Every structure is written in C-alpha cells, then in structure tokens.
Amino acid sequence: MAGPLEGIRVVDLSAIIAGPIATAFLATFGADVVKVEPPEGDALRGYPSSLPGESRYFLGINRGKRSLALDLKHPDGLAVAGRLAAGADVVVESFRPGVAARLGMDYPTLRAASPRLVYCSISAYGQQGPLSTRPGLDPVVQCYGGLAWEQGAPDGDAPALVRGSLVDYYTGGLAASGILLALLARTRSGAGQYVETSLLDGVLAMQAGRLFWAEAREPREAVKDFLGDRVSRIYPTREGYLYLYVELPKFWEGLCRTLGLEAWLADPRFQTMIGRHENKTELIARITERLAGRPAAEWEAIFEAAGVPCTRIRSVPEMLADPQAEANGTLAAAVHPALGLVRFLGVPVRLAGTPGTPPGPPPTLGEHTDAILAEAGYTPGEIARLRGAGAVR
C-alpha cells in the first residue's frame, strides 16, 4: 500500500543532521527525496564511527533517499539544481542565511517558477535578528539556548551537553511538521509557502515546560523547575544501572514497600513531591544503599511487579535487537549496495490506512546521479558533458 506522501518530490539541499532527518521522515512515508550532495559528499559522511570507512550517523539519517552528487559552485551544477527545484513539491535547505539568495536558490526566486513549491529553511539561529549569520551546530546552540545550563547549573553543578544531537533531531521534527502542514494547506489553496525553523527554535521548544515566566509574580532570575536533580533518577546497583520514577504517590508507595522503607510513608517530610525534593539527599543515599544488594536486571523485574516505572539501562547495541522495538516495527532491514544486510530505523509512526513500506537503505555518494538527471530531461550526452565538466559526479 502506498504511503501518504507517494508522488511528492523533495529536493534536499540540507546537510549534517537537522535537515536530513526531516527529509528522512518524508522519505519513510513515500516521498521521493533527492539528496543533493557536493562531489565530496555531505560533511556528515566524514564523521568517524566503529564501522570502517563509513559514517554511522550519515547512514542512519539518510535512509530511503537517492543521492545526486552536484557541484553548486559550478554554473552548470547550479543550473541542474534549479531545474530539479522547478519540478519539486518541496525544497529543503540549511545554508547560512543569505547563501541561498546568492545562489539564486532562495524561495522568492524559485516561487516565481513554481508557485506550488513548499520551501523549508533550517538555520542555527533564524533567518532574521542579530545572530542570523552566526554559525552554530547542535552543541553550540545547546549551550546558547539554556539546555546545557539545565543539565547542571541550576543545582550548582557544571553545565553539561546532552549527547546524541537531540536538538538537531527535534528541529528536524519541527521542520518535517511544518512541511506537512504546508502541503496540507496547499491542498486547499493550491499555493505553496515558505517554512522556516532553526536550532534555536528547537532547543527552546524542547524546554517548553521550563520556559514559562509569570512576569508579574516573580523575577526572571528565579525561573526554575525541579525536574532535573531529583529522587527519580538513575541509580547504581550491584551490577548495572537502574532508572526509577517515583514522583507520583502510588509510585512512591511502591518504592517504599519494595525496599522495606515503609516508615517513610508516615514521615511528614516525605508526603509531597516538594517535600521529597527538599530532602532528596537523605532519600537518595538510602535508596542507593538498598539497591546495591541486587543487580539491575533483578530490580527491574521486582519493581515492574510492584507497578513502579523503571528500567535497566540498556545500550544502543542492545536496542538493535530489542524485542519490543521489533514488535513495534520501529526497526527495518535492507540490503545496502556496499555493506550488505543492514538494520536501521524503519517506521517510527504507524498509519493504519496508508502505512507505506519500510524505507530503503541509505545511498552511496552519487549512486542515483544518472537516473535523477535523466528524469529531469537530460540526455546521456548532456549527462556525460556535465560529468566531464565536473558539475556532477
């Protein structure tokens, strides 16, 4: 059964993570995504990993796309990009603000040729404002946008980065949502539109539960929540680590009874979440002491039976063969032309009526150059000329 985006053509001019994860989501649900890469490849291809000669990051977030190796600095390469964009439903770019306009690949220019075009720009700080041209990547914007501070500074610890490029991934999700909304609006109006987001938007949106200020009631410097360092946390055990969530009364009671700490249930200091937070040092020390008696795997089973939300800390390699992820269909498998059988993220959102099919493997550099150019109307001779001139690879 076809995916809901079957027939939608996307030209992906973005690089690194945020833009590519947005277009990977579109590809998962049937869009034909043409990933335009420079002749040397997306910079993410050069990121090291334990897979010899390959970037695991690139492979993981470029599933289901077709690769066109194109030199946008070459006038003929730029002309190819313009022709592809004119026939696309969606263009996604992550150039620094101002670059697309210099290339003649900005929204006003492309809209003149294709009024139905949905055009999405993703930047570090936004298209306007004093920082619009400042370079920024996920860890930089984490530090700028308060996320690194929230990991430690509110409690007096050193700021810390959240690993895993979460701001990139969340921003990519915002971009994909914006593109889908614009496509939906196009079905009603017939017109495309400009979509814009940034890593700064992403890092602030991730903290919506913290970014709330009652300006008439409190000084801005006092804005703080208590969701960071609390009794619910990762605890060491005799073997491995265990996360326990014990904030709500029924979970707190389950913890106390499971660990033989029933006296805490009558202690007035521990009757509320606020009270437990204020006395967290004492509570954490006692809980840690009790958990040291068994391995995490045993505690997981014990607390699960008691109805207390918990989990043993699992590794990424473990998740590649996780039975629950497999049951959900979240993981997929395909044959990669250079790597053979590979496993990767499949369909993270399931649609009953238009599920589509699991995405294909990520492309090798320039794997689909000839096919994409032929679809755009270039003859074999013209393709050979473009390759000979260095405009394509």
Protein backbone atom coordinates (compact mmCIF):
# COMPACT_ATOMS: atom_id res chain seq x y z
CA MET A 1 0.00 0.00 0.00
CA ALA A 2 1.35 3.43 -0.95
CA GLY A 3 2.50 5.84 1.70
CA PRO A 4 0.63 9.11 2.25
CA LEU A 5 3.42 11.11 0.54
CA GLU A 6 3.57 8.95 -2.59
CA GLY A 7 4.11 11.23 -5.59
CA ILE A 8 5.71 14.05 -3.59
CA ARG A 9 9.17 15.02 -4.89
CA VAL A 10 11.60 16.55 -2.39
CA VAL A 11 14.91 18.19 -3.29
CA ASP A 12 17.08 18.06 -0.19
CA LEU A 13 19.83 20.69 -0.22
CA SER A 14 20.46 20.35 3.51
CA ALA A 15 23.45 18.79 5.25
CA ILE A 16 24.61 17.35 8.59
CA ILE A 17 21.57 16.31 10.73
CA ALA A 18 18.52 18.57 11.21
CA GLY A 19 17.51 18.90 7.54
CA PRO A 20 18.40 15.34 6.59
CA ILE A 21 16.40 13.86 9.48
CA ALA A 22 13.38 15.93 8.35
CA THR A 23 13.63 14.63 4.80
CA ALA A 24 14.28 11.07 6.02
CA PHE A 25 10.90 11.23 7.76
CA LEU A 26 9.27 12.33 4.49
CA ALA A 27 11.01 9.51 2.61
CA THR A 28 9.78 6.98 5.16
CA PHE A 29 6.21 7.80 4.17
CA GLY A 30 6.65 7.63 0.42
CA ALA A 31 8.19 10.90 -0.73
CA ASP A 32 10.88 10.68 -3.41
CA VAL A 33 13.77 12.50 -1.73
CA VAL A 34 16.69 13.56 -3.91
CA LYS A 35 19.63 14.28 -1.64
CA VAL A 36 21.88 16.80 -3.34
CA GLU A 37 25.45 16.41 -2.11
CA PRO A 38 28.68 18.15 -3.13
CA PRO A 39 31.06 15.96 -5.15
CA GLU A 40 32.99 15.15 -1.97
CA GLY A 41 29.77 14.20 -0.18
CA ASP A 42 27.78 15.56 2.76
CA ALA A 43 30.22 16.51 5.53
CA LEU A 44 28.44 14.00 7.78
CA ARG A 45 29.88 11.19 5.63
CA GLY A 46 33.25 12.01 7.18
CA TYR A 47 32.16 11.56 10.80
CA PRO A 48 34.05 8.64 12.39
CA SER A 49 32.34 5.52 13.67
CA SER A 50 33.13 1.92 14.52
CA LEU A 51 32.07 0.92 11.00
CA PRO A 52 35.30 1.03 8.95
CA GLY A 53 35.21 3.66 6.23
CA GLU A 54 31.61 4.64 6.92
CA SER A 55 29.77 7.21 8.99
CA ARG A 56 27.09 5.52 11.04
CA TYR A 57 25.42 8.89 11.59
CA PHE A 58 25.11 9.54 7.85
CA LEU A 59 23.82 6.05 7.15
CA GLY A 60 21.24 6.22 9.92
CA ILE A 61 19.60 9.50 8.91
CA ASN A 62 19.68 9.28 5.12
CA ARG A 63 17.67 6.11 4.67
CA GLY A 64 15.30 5.86 1.75
CA LYS A 65 16.82 8.72 -0.29
CA ARG A 66 18.51 8.97 -3.68
CA SER A 67 21.91 10.69 -3.91
CA LEU A 68 22.85 13.23 -6.58
CA ALA A 69 26.46 14.42 -6.41
CA LEU A 70 26.30 18.00 -7.69
CA ASP A 71 28.69 20.97 -7.52
CA LEU A 72 26.61 24.06 -6.74
CA LYS A 73 29.72 26.22 -7.21
CA HIS A 74 29.79 25.23 -10.89
CA PRO A 75 27.32 27.20 -13.06
CA ASP A 76 26.15 24.04 -14.80
CA GLY A 77 25.66 22.32 -11.45
CA LEU A 78 23.64 25.26 -10.20
CA ALA A 79 21.52 25.12 -13.34
CA VAL A 80 20.78 21.44 -12.65
CA ALA A 81 19.69 22.30 -9.11
CA GLY A 82 17.39 25.00 -10.44
CA ARG A 83 15.77 22.61 -12.89
CA LEU A 84 15.23 19.99 -10.20
CA ALA A 85 13.72 22.56 -7.83
CA ALA A 86 11.34 23.78 -10.53
CA GLY A 87 9.87 20.28 -10.73
CA ALA A 88 9.77 19.63 -7.00
CA ASP A 89 6.98 19.83 -4.48
CA VAL A 90 9.37 20.57 -1.59
CA VAL A 91 12.85 22.09 -1.31
CA VAL A 92 14.74 21.90 1.99
CA GLU A 93 17.93 23.88 2.62
CA SER A 94 20.20 24.54 5.56
CA PHE A 95 22.56 27.15 4.11
CA ARG A 96 23.63 30.01 6.30
CA PRO A 97 21.09 32.84 5.80
CA GLY A 98 21.87 34.77 2.64
CA VAL A 99 23.65 31.94 0.80
CA ALA A 100 20.55 30.60 -0.97
CA ALA A 101 19.79 34.08 -2.33
CA ARG A 102 23.35 34.45 -3.65
CA LEU A 103 22.96 31.13 -5.42
CA GLY A 104 19.58 32.08 -6.86
CA MET A 105 18.06 29.14 -4.96
CA ASP A 106 16.06 31.19 -2.44
CA TYR A 107 12.30 30.96 -2.04
CA PRO A 108 11.27 34.16 -3.91
CA THR A 109 13.33 33.09 -6.94
CA LEU A 110 12.07 29.51 -7.02
CA ARG A 111 8.47 30.50 -6.24
CA ALA A 112 8.38 32.62 -9.40
CA ALA A 113 8.87 29.44 -11.43
CA SER A 114 6.80 27.16 -9.18
CA PRO A 115 4.04 28.83 -7.12
CA ARG A 116 3.07 25.45 -5.59
CA LEU A 117 6.52 24.96 -4.08
CA VAL A 118 6.87 24.37 -0.34
CA TYR A 119 10.29 25.70 0.66
CA CYS A 120 11.82 24.99 4.07
CA SER A 121 14.84 26.80 5.52
CA ILE A 122 16.66 25.45 8.58
CA SER A 123 19.38 27.54 10.21
CA ALA A 124 21.21 27.79 13.51
CA TYR A 125 19.62 30.93 14.96
CA GLY A 126 16.96 32.02 12.47
CA GLN A 127 16.78 34.00 9.24
CA GLN A 128 16.48 37.40 10.95
CA GLY A 129 17.98 39.07 14.00
CA PRO A 130 21.45 39.86 15.32
CA LEU A 131 22.69 36.26 15.31
CA SER A 132 21.20 35.13 12.00
CA THR A 133 24.55 34.81 10.23
CA ARG A 134 26.42 33.29 13.18
CA PRO A 135 27.45 29.66 12.58
CA GLY A 136 26.03 27.15 15.03
CA LEU A 137 25.68 23.40 15.44
CA ASP A 138 23.75 21.31 17.97
CA PRO A 139 26.22 21.55 20.91
CA VAL A 140 26.79 25.26 20.34
CA VAL A 141 23.06 26.02 20.38
CA GLN A 142 22.55 23.71 23.38
CA CYS A 143 24.93 25.95 25.30
CA TYR A 144 23.40 29.15 23.96
CA GLY A 145 19.81 28.07 24.50
CA GLY A 146 19.88 27.02 28.16
CA LEU A 147 19.84 23.23 27.73
CA ALA A 148 23.44 22.71 28.88
CA TRP A 149 22.80 25.00 31.85
CA GLU A 150 19.73 22.99 32.80
CA GLN A 151 21.76 19.77 32.97
CA GLY A 152 23.77 21.01 35.93
CA ALA A 153 23.96 24.71 36.65
CA PRO A 154 20.57 25.11 38.41
CA ASP A 155 21.82 22.75 41.13
CA GLY A 156 25.33 24.13 41.30
CA ASP A 157 26.95 21.51 39.06
CA ALA A 158 28.89 22.29 35.92
CA PRO A 159 26.82 22.71 32.73
CA ALA A 160 26.78 19.60 30.57
CA LEU A 161 25.86 18.73 27.00
CA VAL A 162 23.09 16.28 26.21
CA ARG A 163 24.69 13.76 23.89
CA GLY A 164 23.05 12.42 20.77
CA SER A 165 22.32 15.63 18.78
CA LEU A 166 18.85 15.86 20.31
CA VAL A 167 18.40 19.49 19.28
CA ASP A 168 19.13 18.56 15.67
CA TYR A 169 16.63 15.72 15.79
CA TYR A 170 13.91 17.80 17.43
CA THR A 171 14.47 20.67 14.99
CA GLY A 172 14.23 18.19 12.14
CA GLY A 173 10.92 17.03 13.56
CA LEU A 174 9.68 20.64 13.66
CA ALA A 175 10.77 21.12 10.05
CA ALA A 176 9.01 17.96 8.90
CA SER A 177 5.85 19.03 10.72
CA GLY A 178 5.98 22.46 9.09
CA ILE A 179 6.44 20.93 5.64
CA LEU A 180 3.49 18.58 6.14
CA LEU A 181 1.31 21.47 7.34
CA ALA A 182 2.26 23.49 4.27
CA LEU A 183 1.45 20.55 1.98
CA LEU A 184 -1.92 20.19 3.68
CA ALA A 185 -2.60 23.91 3.24
CA ARG A 186 -1.66 23.58 -0.44
CA THR A 187 -4.41 21.04 -0.99
CA ARG A 188 -6.88 23.79 -0.05
CA SER A 189 -5.29 26.91 -1.54
CA GLY A 190 -3.26 25.46 -4.41
CA ALA A 191 -0.30 27.59 -3.32
CA GLY A 192 2.94 26.62 -1.67
CA GLN A 193 4.61 28.66 1.05
CA TYR A 194 7.78 29.37 2.95
CA VAL A 195 8.54 27.30 6.08
CA GLU A 196 11.30 28.29 8.48
CA THR A 197 12.74 26.97 11.72
CA SER A 198 16.10 26.89 13.48
CA LEU A 199 18.13 25.02 16.07
CA LEU A 200 17.36 27.87 18.47
CA ASP A 201 13.64 27.29 17.91
CA GLY A 202 14.25 23.61 18.52
CA VAL A 203 16.22 23.96 21.75
CA LEU A 204 13.63 26.36 23.17
CA ALA A 205 10.68 24.22 22.05
CA MET A 206 12.29 21.24 23.80
CA GLN A 207 12.10 23.23 27.03
CA ALA A 208 8.51 24.44 26.78
CA GLY A 209 7.83 23.13 30.27
CA ARG A 210 10.59 25.33 31.65
CA LEU A 211 10.15 28.44 29.52
CA PHE A 212 7.20 29.84 31.39
CA TRP A 213 7.56 33.14 33.23
CA ALA A 214 4.88 34.77 35.37
CA GLU A 215 6.41 38.19 34.85
CA ALA A 216 4.11 39.96 37.30
CA ARG A 217 4.78 37.43 40.08
CA GLU A 218 8.48 36.55 40.01
CA PRO A 219 11.85 37.91 38.92
CA ARG A 220 13.16 36.34 35.74
CA GLU A 221 16.28 35.08 37.54
CA ALA A 222 14.09 32.91 39.82
CA VAL A 223 12.51 30.89 36.97
CA LYS A 224 13.27 27.24 37.70
CA ASP A 225 11.65 23.83 37.79
CA PHE A 226 12.68 20.78 39.79
CA LEU A 227 12.69 18.18 37.04
CA GLY A 228 16.46 17.81 36.95
CA ASP A 229 18.20 16.55 40.07
CA ARG A 230 15.52 14.68 42.00
CA VAL A 231 14.74 11.37 43.68
CA SER A 232 13.63 9.89 40.36
CA ARG A 233 16.98 9.18 38.75
CA ILE A 234 19.47 6.60 37.55
CA TYR A 235 20.81 4.54 40.45
CA PRO A 236 23.82 2.22 40.58
CA THR A 237 23.12 -1.38 41.59
CA ARG A 238 25.30 -4.39 42.33
CA GLU A 239 25.57 -4.86 38.57
CA GLY A 240 24.46 -2.25 36.10
CA TYR A 241 22.26 0.82 36.50
CA LEU A 242 18.53 1.26 37.07
CA TYR A 243 16.24 4.22 36.46
CA LEU A 244 13.34 4.65 38.89
CA TYR A 245 10.42 7.05 38.53
CA VAL A 246 8.85 7.60 41.95
CA GLU A 247 7.28 11.07 41.89
CA LEU A 248 3.57 10.20 41.97
CA PRO A 249 2.13 8.94 45.29
CA LYS A 250 1.39 5.39 44.13
CA PHE A 251 4.90 5.00 42.74
CA TRP A 252 6.46 6.46 45.87
CA GLU A 253 4.48 3.99 47.97
CA GLY A 254 5.58 1.13 45.73
CA LEU A 255 9.21 2.12 46.14
CA CYS A 256 8.96 2.34 49.93
CA ARG A 257 7.25 -1.03 50.31
CA THR A 258 9.56 -2.76 47.84
CA LEU A 259 12.71 -1.56 49.61
CA GLY A 260 11.36 -2.10 53.14
CA LEU A 261 11.25 1.63 53.85
CA GLU A 262 7.60 1.81 54.94
CA ALA A 263 8.49 4.28 57.71
CA TRP A 264 8.92 6.92 55.05
CA LEU A 265 5.20 6.69 54.21
CA ALA A 266 4.34 8.19 57.62
CA ASP A 267 7.17 10.73 57.70
CA PRO A 268 5.63 14.20 57.21
CA ARG A 269 8.76 15.38 55.41
CA PHE A 270 8.15 12.98 52.53
CA GLN A 271 4.39 13.35 51.94
CA THR A 272 4.67 15.60 48.87
CA MET A 273 6.91 15.79 45.82
CA ILE A 274 8.18 19.14 47.08
CA GLY A 275 9.00 17.67 50.46
CA ARG A 276 10.81 14.74 48.93
CA HIS A 277 12.75 17.09 46.70
CA GLU A 278 13.80 19.20 49.69
CA ASN A 279 15.06 16.05 51.45
CA LYS A 280 16.43 14.34 48.38
CA THR A 281 19.99 13.95 49.69
CA GLU A 282 18.86 11.68 52.54
CA LEU A 283 16.43 9.74 50.34
CA ILE A 284 18.87 9.16 47.51
CA ALA A 285 21.54 7.87 49.87
CA ARG A 286 19.21 5.30 51.48
CA ILE A 287 17.75 4.15 48.16
CA THR A 288 21.24 3.74 46.72
CA GLU A 289 22.27 1.69 49.74
CA ARG A 290 19.31 -0.70 49.34
CA LEU A 291 19.74 -1.10 45.58
CA ALA A 292 23.35 -2.18 45.99
CA GLY A 293 22.17 -5.61 47.11
CA ARG A 294 20.95 -6.89 43.72
CA PRO A 295 21.79 -6.46 40.01
CA ALA A 296 19.75 -4.08 37.89
CA ALA A 297 18.08 -6.88 35.92
CA GLU A 298 16.60 -8.35 39.13
CA TRP A 299 15.47 -4.97 40.42
CA GLU A 300 13.77 -4.25 37.09
CA ALA A 301 11.62 -7.35 37.45
CA ILE A 302 10.88 -6.62 41.13
CA PHE A 303 9.83 -3.01 40.59
CA GLU A 304 7.85 -3.86 37.48
CA ALA A 305 5.86 -6.39 39.55
CA ALA A 306 5.29 -3.66 42.14
CA GLY A 307 3.95 -1.27 39.47
CA VAL A 308 6.84 1.20 39.76
CA PRO A 309 8.01 2.60 36.40
CA CYS A 310 11.61 1.57 35.92
CA THR A 311 14.14 0.19 33.51
CA ARG A 312 17.55 -1.30 33.48
CA ILE A 313 19.86 0.97 31.47
CA ARG A 314 20.22 -0.54 28.03
CA SER A 315 22.87 0.19 25.42
CA VAL A 316 22.39 1.22 21.80
CA PRO A 317 23.74 -2.16 20.58
CA GLU A 318 21.12 -3.89 22.72
CA MET A 319 18.37 -1.82 21.10
CA LEU A 320 19.33 -3.09 17.65
CA ALA A 321 17.84 -6.43 18.67
CA ASP A 322 15.22 -5.20 21.13
CA PRO A 323 12.09 -7.39 21.01
CA GLN A 324 9.71 -4.52 21.79
CA ALA A 325 11.16 -2.31 19.05
CA GLU A 326 10.90 -5.27 16.69
CA ALA A 327 7.29 -5.88 17.68
CA ASN A 328 6.50 -2.21 17.01
CA GLY A 329 8.10 -2.36 13.58
CA THR A 330 10.39 0.51 14.53
CA LEU A 331 13.44 -1.23 13.11
CA ALA A 332 13.84 -2.21 9.47
CA ALA A 333 16.30 -4.21 7.38
CA ALA A 334 17.51 -3.80 3.81
CA VAL A 335 20.45 -4.69 1.58
CA HIS A 336 22.95 -1.86 1.13
CA PRO A 337 24.96 -1.95 -2.13
CA ALA A 338 28.29 -1.73 -0.30
CA LEU A 339 27.53 -3.07 3.18
CA GLY A 340 25.17 -5.95 2.54
CA LEU A 341 22.35 -6.56 5.02
CA VAL A 342 21.85 -3.55 7.30
CA ARG A 343 19.41 -2.75 10.08
CA PHE A 344 18.22 0.78 10.78
CA LEU A 345 15.27 2.91 11.88
CA GLY A 346 12.15 1.91 9.99
CA VAL A 347 8.74 3.44 10.65
CA PRO A 348 8.50 5.31 13.98
CA VAL A 349 4.88 6.41 13.41
CA ARG A 350 2.37 3.89 12.15
CA LEU A 351 -0.59 4.84 9.94
CA ALA A 352 -3.20 2.11 9.62
CA GLY A 353 -4.67 3.23 6.31
CA THR A 354 -1.57 4.42 4.43
CA PRO A 355 1.39 2.76 6.12
CA GLY A 356 3.67 2.77 3.09
CA THR A 357 6.69 0.48 3.14
CA PRO A 358 9.86 0.48 5.24
CA PRO A 359 12.44 2.83 3.70
CA GLY A 360 15.28 1.56 1.55
CA PRO A 361 18.93 1.72 2.58
CA PRO A 362 20.90 4.99 2.61
CA PRO A 363 22.52 5.83 -0.75
CA THR A 364 26.15 5.73 -1.69
CA LEU A 365 27.55 9.07 -2.90
CA GLY A 366 26.18 9.90 -6.36
CA GLU A 367 24.52 6.49 -6.63
CA HIS A 368 21.49 7.91 -8.44
CA THR A 369 23.04 10.85 -10.32
CA ASP A 370 22.40 9.50 -13.83
CA ALA A 371 18.85 8.36 -13.10
CA ILE A 372 17.86 11.67 -11.48
CA LEU A 373 19.31 13.72 -14.34
CA ALA A 374 17.57 11.53 -16.91
CA GLU A 375 14.25 12.04 -15.12
CA ALA A 376 14.89 15.80 -15.29
CA GLY A 377 15.21 15.57 -19.08
CA TYR A 378 18.96 15.40 -19.57
CA THR A 379 20.17 13.19 -22.40
CA PRO A 380 23.04 10.70 -21.97
CA GLY A 381 25.28 13.06 -23.90
CA GLU A 382 24.38 16.01 -21.68
CA ILE A 383 24.98 13.92 -18.56
CA ALA A 384 28.40 12.92 -19.88
CA ARG A 385 29.21 16.57 -20.58
CA LEU A 386 28.16 17.61 -17.06
CA ARG A 387 30.33 14.87 -15.58
CA GLY A 388 33.27 15.79 -17.75
CA ALA A 389 32.97 19.42 -16.69
CA GLY A 390 32.96 18.43 -13.01
CA ALA A 391 29.43 19.72 -12.43
CA VAL A 392 28.22 16.28 -11.36
CA ARG A 393 29.78 13.09 -10.11
